[in-house]
Structures are given as C-alpha cells and as structure tokens.
N, C-alpha and C. Protein backbone atom coordinates (compact mmCIF):
# COMPACT_ATOMS: atom_id res chain seq x y z
N MET A 1 -58.51 38.81 -10.06
CA MET A 1 -57.11 38.69 -10.35
C MET A 1 -56.90 38.93 -11.86
N SER A 2 -55.81 39.61 -12.14
CA SER A 2 -55.51 39.86 -13.52
C SER A 2 -54.75 38.64 -14.11
N ASN A 3 -54.68 38.69 -15.41
CA ASN A 3 -53.98 37.58 -16.12
C ASN A 3 -52.53 37.46 -15.67
N SER A 4 -51.82 38.53 -15.48
CA SER A 4 -50.42 38.49 -15.07
C SER A 4 -50.30 37.92 -13.65
N GLU A 5 -51.22 38.27 -12.78
CA GLU A 5 -51.19 37.73 -11.40
C GLU A 5 -51.44 36.22 -11.44
N ILE A 6 -52.38 35.77 -12.26
CA ILE A 6 -52.70 34.33 -12.36
C ILE A 6 -51.49 33.62 -12.96
N LEU A 7 -50.85 34.21 -13.95
CA LEU A 7 -49.69 33.60 -14.56
C LEU A 7 -48.52 33.51 -13.57
N LEU A 8 -48.31 34.53 -12.78
CA LEU A 8 -47.24 34.54 -11.81
C LEU A 8 -47.52 33.50 -10.70
N LYS A 9 -48.77 33.41 -10.25
CA LYS A 9 -49.15 32.43 -9.23
C LYS A 9 -48.98 31.00 -9.78
N ALA A 10 -49.33 30.79 -11.04
CA ALA A 10 -49.18 29.45 -11.66
C ALA A 10 -47.71 29.08 -11.74
N ALA A 11 -46.88 30.06 -12.13
CA ALA A 11 -45.43 29.78 -12.22
C ALA A 11 -44.86 29.42 -10.87
N ILE A 12 -45.28 30.18 -9.84
CA ILE A 12 -44.78 29.89 -8.47
C ILE A 12 -45.25 28.50 -8.00
N ASN A 13 -46.47 28.16 -8.30
CA ASN A 13 -47.00 26.83 -7.92
C ASN A 13 -46.22 25.70 -8.62
N ARG A 14 -45.91 25.88 -9.88
CA ARG A 14 -45.17 24.83 -10.63
C ARG A 14 -43.73 24.74 -10.13
N ILE A 15 -43.10 25.89 -9.84
CA ILE A 15 -41.72 25.87 -9.31
C ILE A 15 -41.71 25.15 -7.94
N SER A 16 -42.72 25.47 -7.14
CA SER A 16 -42.84 24.82 -5.81
C SER A 16 -43.05 23.36 -5.95
N ALA A 17 -43.89 22.95 -6.90
CA ALA A 17 -44.18 21.51 -7.12
C ALA A 17 -42.91 20.79 -7.60
N ARG A 18 -42.16 21.41 -8.51
CA ARG A 18 -40.93 20.76 -9.00
C ARG A 18 -39.88 20.63 -7.91
N ILE A 19 -39.73 21.66 -7.09
CA ILE A 19 -38.75 21.64 -6.01
C ILE A 19 -39.15 20.56 -5.01
N THR A 20 -40.44 20.47 -4.69
CA THR A 20 -40.92 19.41 -3.77
C THR A 20 -40.67 18.04 -4.32
N GLU A 21 -40.92 17.85 -5.63
CA GLU A 21 -40.67 16.56 -6.27
C GLU A 21 -39.20 16.18 -6.20
N LYS A 22 -38.34 17.20 -6.53
CA LYS A 22 -36.89 16.92 -6.46
C LYS A 22 -36.43 16.58 -5.07
N LEU A 23 -36.96 17.25 -4.07
CA LEU A 23 -36.60 16.95 -2.67
C LEU A 23 -37.06 15.57 -2.29
N ILE A 24 -38.23 15.17 -2.68
CA ILE A 24 -38.74 13.82 -2.39
C ILE A 24 -37.88 12.78 -3.03
N ASN A 25 -37.53 12.98 -4.32
CA ASN A 25 -36.69 12.03 -5.02
C ASN A 25 -35.30 11.95 -4.37
N SER A 26 -34.74 13.09 -3.99
CA SER A 26 -33.44 13.09 -3.32
C SER A 26 -33.50 12.39 -1.99
N ALA A 27 -34.57 12.57 -1.23
CA ALA A 27 -34.72 11.90 0.05
C ALA A 27 -34.84 10.40 -0.16
N GLN A 28 -35.55 9.94 -1.17
CA GLN A 28 -35.67 8.51 -1.47
C GLN A 28 -34.29 7.95 -1.83
N GLU A 29 -33.55 8.63 -2.70
CA GLU A 29 -32.22 8.18 -3.07
C GLU A 29 -31.31 8.09 -1.85
N PHE A 30 -31.35 9.11 -1.03
CA PHE A 30 -30.55 9.14 0.19
C PHE A 30 -30.91 7.97 1.11
N SER A 31 -32.19 7.70 1.23
CA SER A 31 -32.65 6.58 2.06
C SER A 31 -32.12 5.27 1.52
N GLU A 32 -32.17 5.07 0.18
CA GLU A 32 -31.64 3.82 -0.43
C GLU A 32 -30.14 3.71 -0.15
N ILE A 33 -29.42 4.80 -0.30
CA ILE A 33 -27.99 4.79 -0.06
C ILE A 33 -27.72 4.44 1.40
N ALA A 34 -28.47 5.04 2.30
CA ALA A 34 -28.30 4.82 3.75
C ALA A 34 -28.56 3.35 4.07
N GLU A 35 -29.50 2.74 3.40
CA GLU A 35 -29.77 1.30 3.67
C GLU A 35 -28.64 0.42 3.15
N GLU A 36 -28.08 0.78 2.01
CA GLU A 36 -26.99 -0.01 1.42
C GLU A 36 -25.64 0.26 2.10
N LEU A 37 -25.50 1.36 2.77
CA LEU A 37 -24.21 1.79 3.30
C LEU A 37 -23.58 0.75 4.23
N PRO A 38 -24.27 0.23 5.25
CA PRO A 38 -23.61 -0.75 6.10
C PRO A 38 -23.08 -1.99 5.35
N GLU A 39 -23.89 -2.46 4.41
CA GLU A 39 -23.44 -3.63 3.62
C GLU A 39 -22.21 -3.30 2.78
N ARG A 40 -22.28 -2.14 2.12
CA ARG A 40 -21.15 -1.72 1.29
C ARG A 40 -19.90 -1.48 2.13
N PHE A 41 -20.11 -0.87 3.31
CA PHE A 41 -18.98 -0.64 4.18
C PHE A 41 -18.37 -1.98 4.63
N GLN A 42 -19.20 -2.94 4.95
CA GLN A 42 -18.70 -4.26 5.34
C GLN A 42 -17.93 -4.91 4.24
N GLU A 43 -18.45 -4.82 3.00
CA GLU A 43 -17.74 -5.40 1.84
C GLU A 43 -16.39 -4.72 1.65
N GLU A 44 -16.38 -3.40 1.72
CA GLU A 44 -15.14 -2.67 1.53
C GLU A 44 -14.12 -3.01 2.63
N TRP A 45 -14.59 -3.12 3.86
CA TRP A 45 -13.72 -3.45 4.99
C TRP A 45 -13.15 -4.86 4.79
N SER A 46 -14.00 -5.80 4.35
CA SER A 46 -13.53 -7.15 4.13
C SER A 46 -12.51 -7.17 2.99
N ASN A 47 -12.76 -6.46 1.91
CA ASN A 47 -11.79 -6.40 0.82
C ASN A 47 -10.50 -5.74 1.27
N PHE A 48 -10.59 -4.70 2.10
CA PHE A 48 -9.38 -4.05 2.61
C PHE A 48 -8.56 -5.03 3.47
N LYS A 49 -9.22 -5.79 4.33
CA LYS A 49 -8.53 -6.76 5.17
C LYS A 49 -7.83 -7.79 4.31
N ASP A 50 -8.52 -8.27 3.27
CA ASP A 50 -7.94 -9.26 2.38
C ASP A 50 -6.68 -8.70 1.67
N GLU A 51 -6.81 -7.43 1.22
CA GLU A 51 -5.65 -6.78 0.58
C GLU A 51 -4.50 -6.64 1.52
N VAL A 52 -4.75 -6.31 2.79
CA VAL A 52 -3.70 -6.16 3.76
C VAL A 52 -3.02 -7.50 4.02
N ILE A 53 -3.81 -8.55 4.11
CA ILE A 53 -3.23 -9.89 4.34
C ILE A 53 -2.37 -10.29 3.15
N GLU A 54 -2.88 -10.06 1.89
CA GLU A 54 -2.08 -10.40 0.72
C GLU A 54 -0.80 -9.58 0.69
N GLU A 55 -0.89 -8.31 1.04
CA GLU A 55 0.34 -7.47 1.02
C GLU A 55 1.31 -7.90 2.07
N SER A 56 0.83 -8.30 3.25
CA SER A 56 1.74 -8.77 4.29
C SER A 56 2.43 -10.05 3.86
N LYS A 57 1.72 -10.95 3.18
CA LYS A 57 2.35 -12.17 2.65
C LYS A 57 3.37 -11.86 1.60
N ARG A 58 3.08 -10.88 0.74
CA ARG A 58 4.03 -10.48 -0.31
C ARG A 58 5.30 -9.91 0.35
N LEU A 59 5.12 -9.04 1.33
CA LEU A 59 6.26 -8.44 2.01
C LEU A 59 7.10 -9.48 2.73
N GLU A 60 6.39 -10.45 3.35
CA GLU A 60 7.09 -11.52 4.05
C GLU A 60 7.96 -12.34 3.09
N LYS A 61 7.37 -12.66 1.93
CA LYS A 61 8.12 -13.40 0.91
C LYS A 61 9.32 -12.60 0.44
N GLU A 62 9.06 -11.31 0.22
CA GLU A 62 10.14 -10.42 -0.24
C GLU A 62 11.24 -10.35 0.81
N GLU A 63 10.86 -10.26 2.07
CA GLU A 63 11.85 -10.19 3.15
C GLU A 63 12.65 -11.48 3.24
N ASN A 64 11.93 -12.63 3.15
CA ASN A 64 12.62 -13.92 3.20
C ASN A 64 13.59 -14.11 2.07
N SER A 65 13.20 -13.67 0.89
CA SER A 65 14.11 -13.79 -0.27
C SER A 65 15.30 -12.89 -0.12
N SER A 66 15.09 -11.69 0.44
CA SER A 66 16.22 -10.78 0.67
C SER A 66 17.12 -11.28 1.76
N LYS A 67 16.53 -11.98 2.78
CA LYS A 67 17.34 -12.56 3.86
C LYS A 67 18.22 -13.70 3.28
N LYS A 68 17.65 -14.48 2.33
CA LYS A 68 18.41 -15.53 1.74
C LYS A 68 19.60 -14.95 0.95
N GLU A 69 19.34 -13.90 0.21
CA GLU A 69 20.39 -13.22 -0.56
C GLU A 69 21.42 -12.63 0.40
N THR A 70 20.96 -12.05 1.48
CA THR A 70 21.88 -11.45 2.46
C THR A 70 22.68 -12.54 3.13
N SER A 71 22.07 -13.69 3.43
CA SER A 71 22.80 -14.75 4.09
C SER A 71 23.84 -15.33 3.13
N LYS A 72 23.58 -15.28 1.85
CA LYS A 72 24.56 -15.74 0.87
C LYS A 72 25.73 -14.75 0.78
N GLN A 73 25.46 -13.50 0.84
CA GLN A 73 26.47 -12.48 0.69
C GLN A 73 27.54 -12.53 1.76
N PRO A 74 27.18 -12.62 3.06
CA PRO A 74 28.21 -12.70 4.05
C PRO A 74 29.16 -13.89 3.86
N SER A 75 28.63 -15.02 3.43
CA SER A 75 29.52 -16.16 3.23
C SER A 75 30.50 -15.84 2.10
N ASN A 76 30.04 -15.17 1.05
CA ASN A 76 30.97 -14.73 0.02
C ASN A 76 31.94 -13.71 0.57
N GLU A 77 31.44 -12.78 1.36
CA GLU A 77 32.32 -11.77 1.96
C GLU A 77 33.27 -12.45 2.96
N GLU A 78 32.76 -13.41 3.70
CA GLU A 78 33.59 -14.15 4.65
C GLU A 78 34.68 -14.90 3.87
N ASP A 79 34.31 -15.55 2.75
CA ASP A 79 35.31 -16.22 1.96
C ASP A 79 36.39 -15.30 1.41
N LEU A 80 35.94 -14.07 0.98
CA LEU A 80 36.90 -13.08 0.49
C LEU A 80 37.82 -12.64 1.62
N THR A 81 37.21 -12.40 2.78
CA THR A 81 38.05 -11.96 3.92
C THR A 81 39.02 -13.05 4.33
N GLN A 82 38.53 -14.29 4.38
CA GLN A 82 39.40 -15.38 4.75
C GLN A 82 40.54 -15.56 3.72
N ALA A 83 40.23 -15.36 2.44
CA ALA A 83 41.24 -15.48 1.39
C ALA A 83 42.31 -14.36 1.60
N LYS A 84 41.84 -13.18 1.94
CA LYS A 84 42.81 -12.09 2.20
C LYS A 84 43.69 -12.39 3.41
N ILE A 85 43.07 -12.91 4.46
CA ILE A 85 43.85 -13.29 5.65
C ILE A 85 44.86 -14.39 5.31
N ASP A 86 44.45 -15.40 4.57
CA ASP A 86 45.34 -16.46 4.17
C ASP A 86 46.50 -15.91 3.34
N ASN A 87 46.19 -14.99 2.43
CA ASN A 87 47.22 -14.37 1.59
C ASN A 87 48.20 -13.60 2.43
N LEU A 88 47.69 -12.84 3.42
CA LEU A 88 48.58 -12.08 4.30
C LEU A 88 49.45 -13.02 5.14
N ARG A 89 48.89 -14.11 5.64
CA ARG A 89 49.63 -15.09 6.41
C ARG A 89 50.76 -15.69 5.60
N SER A 90 50.46 -16.05 4.32
CA SER A 90 51.51 -16.63 3.50
C SER A 90 52.62 -15.61 3.24
N LYS A 91 52.28 -14.36 3.07
CA LYS A 91 53.30 -13.32 2.89
C LYS A 91 54.13 -13.18 4.15
N VAL A 92 53.48 -13.22 5.32
CA VAL A 92 54.24 -13.10 6.60
C VAL A 92 55.16 -14.31 6.73
N ILE A 93 54.68 -15.49 6.37
CA ILE A 93 55.55 -16.68 6.47
C ILE A 93 56.74 -16.54 5.53
N GLU A 94 56.51 -16.06 4.33
CA GLU A 94 57.62 -15.84 3.36
C GLU A 94 58.63 -14.83 3.88
N ILE A 95 58.11 -13.75 4.47
CA ILE A 95 59.02 -12.71 5.04
C ILE A 95 59.80 -13.30 6.17
N ASN A 96 59.17 -14.10 7.05
CA ASN A 96 59.86 -14.75 8.17
C ASN A 96 60.96 -15.71 7.65
N LYS A 97 60.67 -16.45 6.58
CA LYS A 97 61.64 -17.38 6.05
C LYS A 97 62.84 -16.59 5.47
N SER A 98 62.52 -15.53 4.76
CA SER A 98 63.64 -14.76 4.20
C SER A 98 64.47 -14.11 5.27
N ILE A 99 63.85 -13.68 6.38
CA ILE A 99 64.63 -13.11 7.49
C ILE A 99 65.47 -14.18 8.17
N GLU A 100 64.91 -15.39 8.36
CA GLU A 100 65.63 -16.48 8.98
C GLU A 100 66.81 -16.92 8.10
N GLU A 101 66.63 -16.90 6.77
CA GLU A 101 67.70 -17.29 5.87
C GLU A 101 68.84 -16.27 5.93
N LYS A 102 68.54 -15.02 6.10
CA LYS A 102 69.58 -14.00 6.21
C LYS A 102 70.29 -14.09 7.53
N ASN A 103 69.66 -14.60 8.56
CA ASN A 103 70.33 -14.69 9.85
C ASN A 103 71.14 -15.93 9.86
C-alpha cells in the first residue's frame, strides 16, 4: 500500500469511529430522555390540570361578580322605569283634573 492509500484508509477509519461514537452518544441520550418522558409527561399533565382548575375558579369568580353587577343594574333600571311610569301617571292625573275642571 502506498502512503496515500494508508492515509485515506486512516481517514476513513477515524471518520467511521467518530460517527459510531456520535451515534452511540445520541442513542444513550435518547434512552435517557425516553426513561424520563413518562415522569415528565405526568408532571406536565398534573400542572396542566392544576392550571385548568385555577382558571375555572377565576372564571367562576369573574362570572359571579358580573352577575352581582348585573343584578344591581336591573334594580336601577327598574327604579328608573318605575320613576318614568310614576311621572307619566302623575301627568295623566293632572290632565284628567284639568279636563274635569273644564267640564
């Protein structure tokens, strides 16, 4: 074998060895991730459920407070409507009195 053939074969051997080493390291890392995955998934799922529960409580409080505000508004609206009705009744009574006085 010539020097260039030996050099080429050495380069190919080293490239092959490095690729094999990288594949082994990647496989080990993947294996570690695969082992941790169920636990991490369980933690994330638990955190997600907790967040959903907290959000539902927040929305419920928000809804209750808006219902209280809404329940206050109709009474104010009802008071305004009743005041308008009372005002119209008093005007009708005055008109009736003035018509009766003319007759």
